[in-house]
Amino acid sequence: MSKNILIIGATGSIGSKLRKTLLEKTDYKLTLFSTRANRLRINSDREVAISGDVNNKSDLMKVVQNQDAVFAALSGNLGTMAKNIVNVMEQSTTKRLIFISSMGIYNEIPSSVGGGNLNENSMLRPYREAADVIEASNLDYTIIRPGWFDEGSDDYEVTEKGQPFGGHDVSRQAICNLVLKLIQENDYGIRKSLGINRPQ
């Protein structure tokens, strides 16, 4: 069954890889949202590109309605961005949110994997703030906590919140494969925070 998918951050490394994956593996219709979306060359049969700012709620309102799922991969003031996305989605009929955060936000990386947890890396604070906002929402969310992105093997394993993180790296394609599964399987990963890494 075809679905309508909104990709927020469509020109970033994960957003653009997800766009390619969904075009190749599904018949879904995509809305590509980014500050630079007007530069994209689109497949006009299946894609719409809309330039906008995630910090502007009226921009978000224009694209969130009538989507089956919203995917967001962003950088910057993630706590504020997450608040805006959640606020707009809670006022809409669209409830499925898949949001890219980071490993380490729950201090879940064991020393055997190399550490890099929030309690020793303040750069993770915005990722944790965003996760806290999303977990407090009434949305059908999935937070994804990837290891460091690379272009290596696409093998992956998933851990849930409360479980130790399994490895330091993960390919961008593996992340997109997990997102595809989350979109296709309506009950998978709902209201969960999932770590993803390449098996060591």
Protein backbone atom coordinates (compact mmCIF):
# COMPACT_ATOMS: atom_id res chain seq x y z
CA MET A 1 0.00 0.00 0.00
CA SER A 2 1.39 3.36 -0.98
CA LYS A 3 2.13 5.85 1.78
CA ASN A 4 2.95 9.53 2.04
CA ILE A 5 6.28 10.17 3.77
CA LEU A 6 7.71 13.51 4.89
CA ILE A 7 11.51 13.71 5.10
CA ILE A 8 12.63 16.65 7.25
CA GLY A 9 16.29 17.30 6.53
CA ALA A 10 16.00 15.83 3.05
CA THR A 11 19.30 17.26 1.82
CA GLY A 12 21.40 15.87 4.68
CA SER A 13 23.41 12.65 4.45
CA ILE A 14 20.76 10.45 6.09
CA GLY A 15 17.76 12.23 4.58
CA SER A 16 19.13 11.99 1.05
CA LYS A 17 20.06 8.32 1.51
CA LEU A 18 16.55 7.57 2.83
CA ARG A 19 15.02 9.40 -0.13
CA LYS A 20 17.00 7.20 -2.54
CA THR A 21 16.08 4.04 -0.59
CA LEU A 22 12.35 4.81 -0.59
CA LEU A 23 12.34 5.69 -4.29
CA GLU A 24 14.09 2.43 -5.16
CA LYS A 25 12.30 0.03 -2.80
CA THR A 26 8.75 1.40 -2.48
CA ASP A 27 6.05 3.26 -4.38
CA TYR A 28 5.68 5.83 -1.59
CA LYS A 29 5.11 9.49 -2.33
CA LEU A 30 7.72 11.75 -0.71
CA THR A 31 7.64 15.31 0.56
CA LEU A 32 11.20 16.63 0.81
CA PHE A 33 11.56 19.43 3.37
CA SER A 34 14.80 21.35 3.84
CA THR A 35 16.13 24.88 3.86
CA ARG A 36 17.68 24.00 0.48
CA ALA A 37 14.92 21.80 -0.96
CA ASN A 38 14.52 24.10 -3.97
CA ARG A 39 17.92 22.87 -5.23
CA LEU A 40 16.77 19.26 -5.47
CA ARG A 41 16.05 17.59 -8.80
CA ILE A 42 12.91 15.61 -8.14
CA ASN A 43 10.85 12.83 -9.64
CA SER A 44 7.69 14.89 -10.12
CA ASP A 45 5.50 11.77 -10.22
CA ARG A 46 6.41 10.84 -6.66
CA GLU A 47 8.14 13.78 -5.01
CA VAL A 48 7.41 17.30 -3.89
CA ALA A 49 10.26 19.52 -2.63
CA ILE A 50 9.38 22.32 -0.23
CA SER A 51 11.92 24.76 1.19
CA GLY A 52 11.31 25.75 4.77
CA ASP A 53 12.72 26.09 8.26
CA VAL A 54 11.99 23.54 10.97
CA ASN A 55 12.12 26.44 13.46
CA ASN A 56 9.11 28.01 11.73
CA LYS A 57 5.90 26.28 12.79
CA SER A 58 3.90 27.65 9.88
CA ASP A 59 6.43 26.08 7.48
CA LEU A 60 5.99 22.74 9.27
CA MET A 61 2.20 23.02 9.26
CA LYS A 62 2.25 23.17 5.45
CA VAL A 63 4.04 19.83 5.12
CA VAL A 64 2.96 17.69 8.11
CA GLN A 65 -0.71 17.30 7.23
CA ASN A 66 -1.80 14.15 5.38
CA GLN A 67 1.46 12.27 5.90
CA ASP A 68 1.58 8.63 6.99
CA ALA A 69 4.97 9.13 8.65
CA VAL A 70 7.39 11.95 9.39
CA PHE A 71 11.13 11.27 9.36
CA ALA A 72 13.57 13.84 10.79
CA ALA A 73 17.37 13.87 10.65
CA LEU A 74 18.62 17.27 11.78
CA SER A 75 21.53 19.08 13.38
CA GLY A 76 21.64 22.20 15.50
CA ASN A 77 19.32 23.13 18.38
CA LEU A 78 17.59 19.75 18.38
CA GLY A 79 15.59 20.30 21.55
CA THR A 80 13.81 23.31 20.07
CA MET A 81 13.41 21.60 16.70
CA ALA A 82 11.86 18.54 18.35
CA LYS A 83 9.45 20.77 20.31
CA ASN A 84 8.31 22.42 17.08
CA ILE A 85 7.83 19.12 15.27
CA VAL A 86 5.96 17.56 18.20
CA ASN A 87 3.77 20.63 18.68
CA VAL A 88 2.75 20.75 15.02
CA MET A 89 2.20 16.99 14.76
CA GLU A 90 0.07 16.93 17.91
CA GLN A 91 -2.21 19.49 16.24
CA SER A 92 -2.45 17.38 13.08
CA THR A 93 -3.76 13.96 12.17
CA THR A 94 -0.20 12.76 11.50
CA LYS A 95 1.12 10.86 14.53
CA ARG A 96 4.01 8.68 13.27
CA LEU A 97 7.42 10.26 13.92
CA ILE A 98 10.83 8.67 13.30
CA PHE A 99 13.60 10.87 14.70
CA ILE A 100 17.37 10.45 14.45
CA SER A 101 19.18 11.10 17.74
CA SER A 102 22.56 9.66 18.80
CA MET A 103 24.08 6.79 20.72
CA GLY A 104 25.18 7.69 24.23
CA ILE A 105 22.28 9.91 25.27
CA TYR A 106 21.30 7.49 28.05
CA ASN A 107 24.93 6.70 29.01
CA GLU A 108 24.34 3.30 27.43
CA ILE A 109 27.69 2.83 25.67
CA PRO A 110 29.83 0.33 27.61
CA SER A 111 33.56 1.02 27.96
CA SER A 112 34.22 -2.09 25.86
CA VAL A 113 32.64 -0.28 22.90
CA GLY A 114 34.74 2.84 23.51
CA GLY A 115 32.54 5.10 25.63
CA GLY A 116 31.36 8.50 24.41
CA ASN A 117 28.37 8.87 26.72
CA LEU A 118 26.44 12.01 27.65
CA ASN A 119 28.11 12.18 31.06
CA GLU A 120 31.47 12.70 29.33
CA ASN A 121 30.40 14.43 26.10
CA SER A 122 28.30 17.59 26.44
CA MET A 123 27.76 17.70 22.65
CA LEU A 124 25.13 14.99 23.17
CA ARG A 125 22.98 17.27 25.34
CA PRO A 126 20.78 18.56 22.43
CA TYR A 127 20.21 14.96 21.28
CA ARG A 128 19.04 14.01 24.78
CA GLU A 129 16.83 17.11 25.03
CA ALA A 130 15.14 16.18 21.75
CA ALA A 131 14.61 12.59 22.90
CA ASP A 132 13.08 13.77 26.19
CA VAL A 133 10.64 16.03 24.32
CA ILE A 134 9.60 13.26 21.96
CA GLU A 135 9.23 10.64 24.69
CA ALA A 136 6.93 13.02 26.61
CA SER A 137 4.68 13.46 23.57
CA ASN A 138 1.55 11.50 22.66
CA LEU A 139 2.95 10.65 19.21
CA ASP A 140 3.65 7.20 17.78
CA TYR A 141 7.36 7.91 17.83
CA THR A 142 10.50 5.91 17.28
CA ILE A 143 13.79 7.50 18.30
CA ILE A 144 16.80 6.01 16.49
CA ARG A 145 20.20 6.22 18.22
CA PRO A 146 22.84 5.36 15.61
CA GLY A 147 26.53 4.85 16.07
CA TRP A 148 28.92 6.85 13.94
CA PHE A 149 27.80 6.87 10.29
CA ASP A 150 29.98 5.36 7.59
CA GLU A 151 29.66 3.61 4.22
CA GLY A 152 30.78 0.18 5.46
CA SER A 153 28.84 -3.07 5.78
CA ASP A 154 25.06 -2.68 6.01
CA ASP A 155 24.71 -5.38 8.68
CA TYR A 156 23.04 -4.03 11.78
CA GLU A 157 21.67 -4.95 15.17
CA VAL A 158 19.13 -3.09 17.28
CA THR A 159 19.10 -2.49 21.03
CA GLU A 160 16.29 -1.00 23.08
CA LYS A 161 16.46 1.70 25.74
CA GLY A 162 17.95 0.21 28.88
CA GLN A 163 20.16 -2.23 26.99
CA PRO A 164 23.90 -1.62 26.50
CA PHE A 165 24.89 -0.31 23.08
CA GLY A 166 26.44 -3.01 20.89
CA GLY A 167 29.04 -1.30 18.69
CA HIS A 168 30.51 2.03 17.64
CA ASP A 169 29.75 2.32 13.91
CA VAL A 170 26.85 1.83 11.49
CA SER A 171 26.32 2.50 7.80
CA ARG A 172 23.93 5.17 6.59
CA GLN A 173 22.23 2.51 4.48
CA ALA A 174 21.66 0.32 7.55
CA ILE A 175 19.92 3.23 9.26
CA CYS A 176 17.73 3.70 6.19
CA ASN A 177 16.93 -0.01 6.07
CA LEU A 178 15.73 0.20 9.69
CA VAL A 179 13.63 3.28 8.87
CA LEU A 180 12.08 1.44 5.92
CA LYS A 181 11.12 -1.43 8.22
CA LEU A 182 9.62 1.01 10.73
CA ILE A 183 7.50 2.60 8.00
CA GLN A 184 6.40 -0.68 6.42
CA GLU A 185 5.56 -2.51 9.67
CA ASN A 186 2.97 -0.31 11.33
CA ASP A 187 3.39 -1.74 14.85
CA TYR A 188 7.18 -2.08 14.89
CA GLY A 189 9.14 0.24 17.17
CA ILE A 190 6.18 2.31 18.33
CA ARG A 191 7.07 4.49 21.37
CA LYS A 192 10.56 2.98 21.50
CA SER A 193 14.08 4.35 21.51
CA LEU A 194 16.19 2.02 19.37
CA GLY A 195 19.97 1.91 19.20
CA ILE A 196 21.47 0.73 15.90
CA ASN A 197 25.03 -0.42 15.29
CA ARG A 198 27.04 -2.82 13.16
CA PRO A 199 27.63 -6.10 15.01
CA GLN A 200 31.19 -6.29 16.31
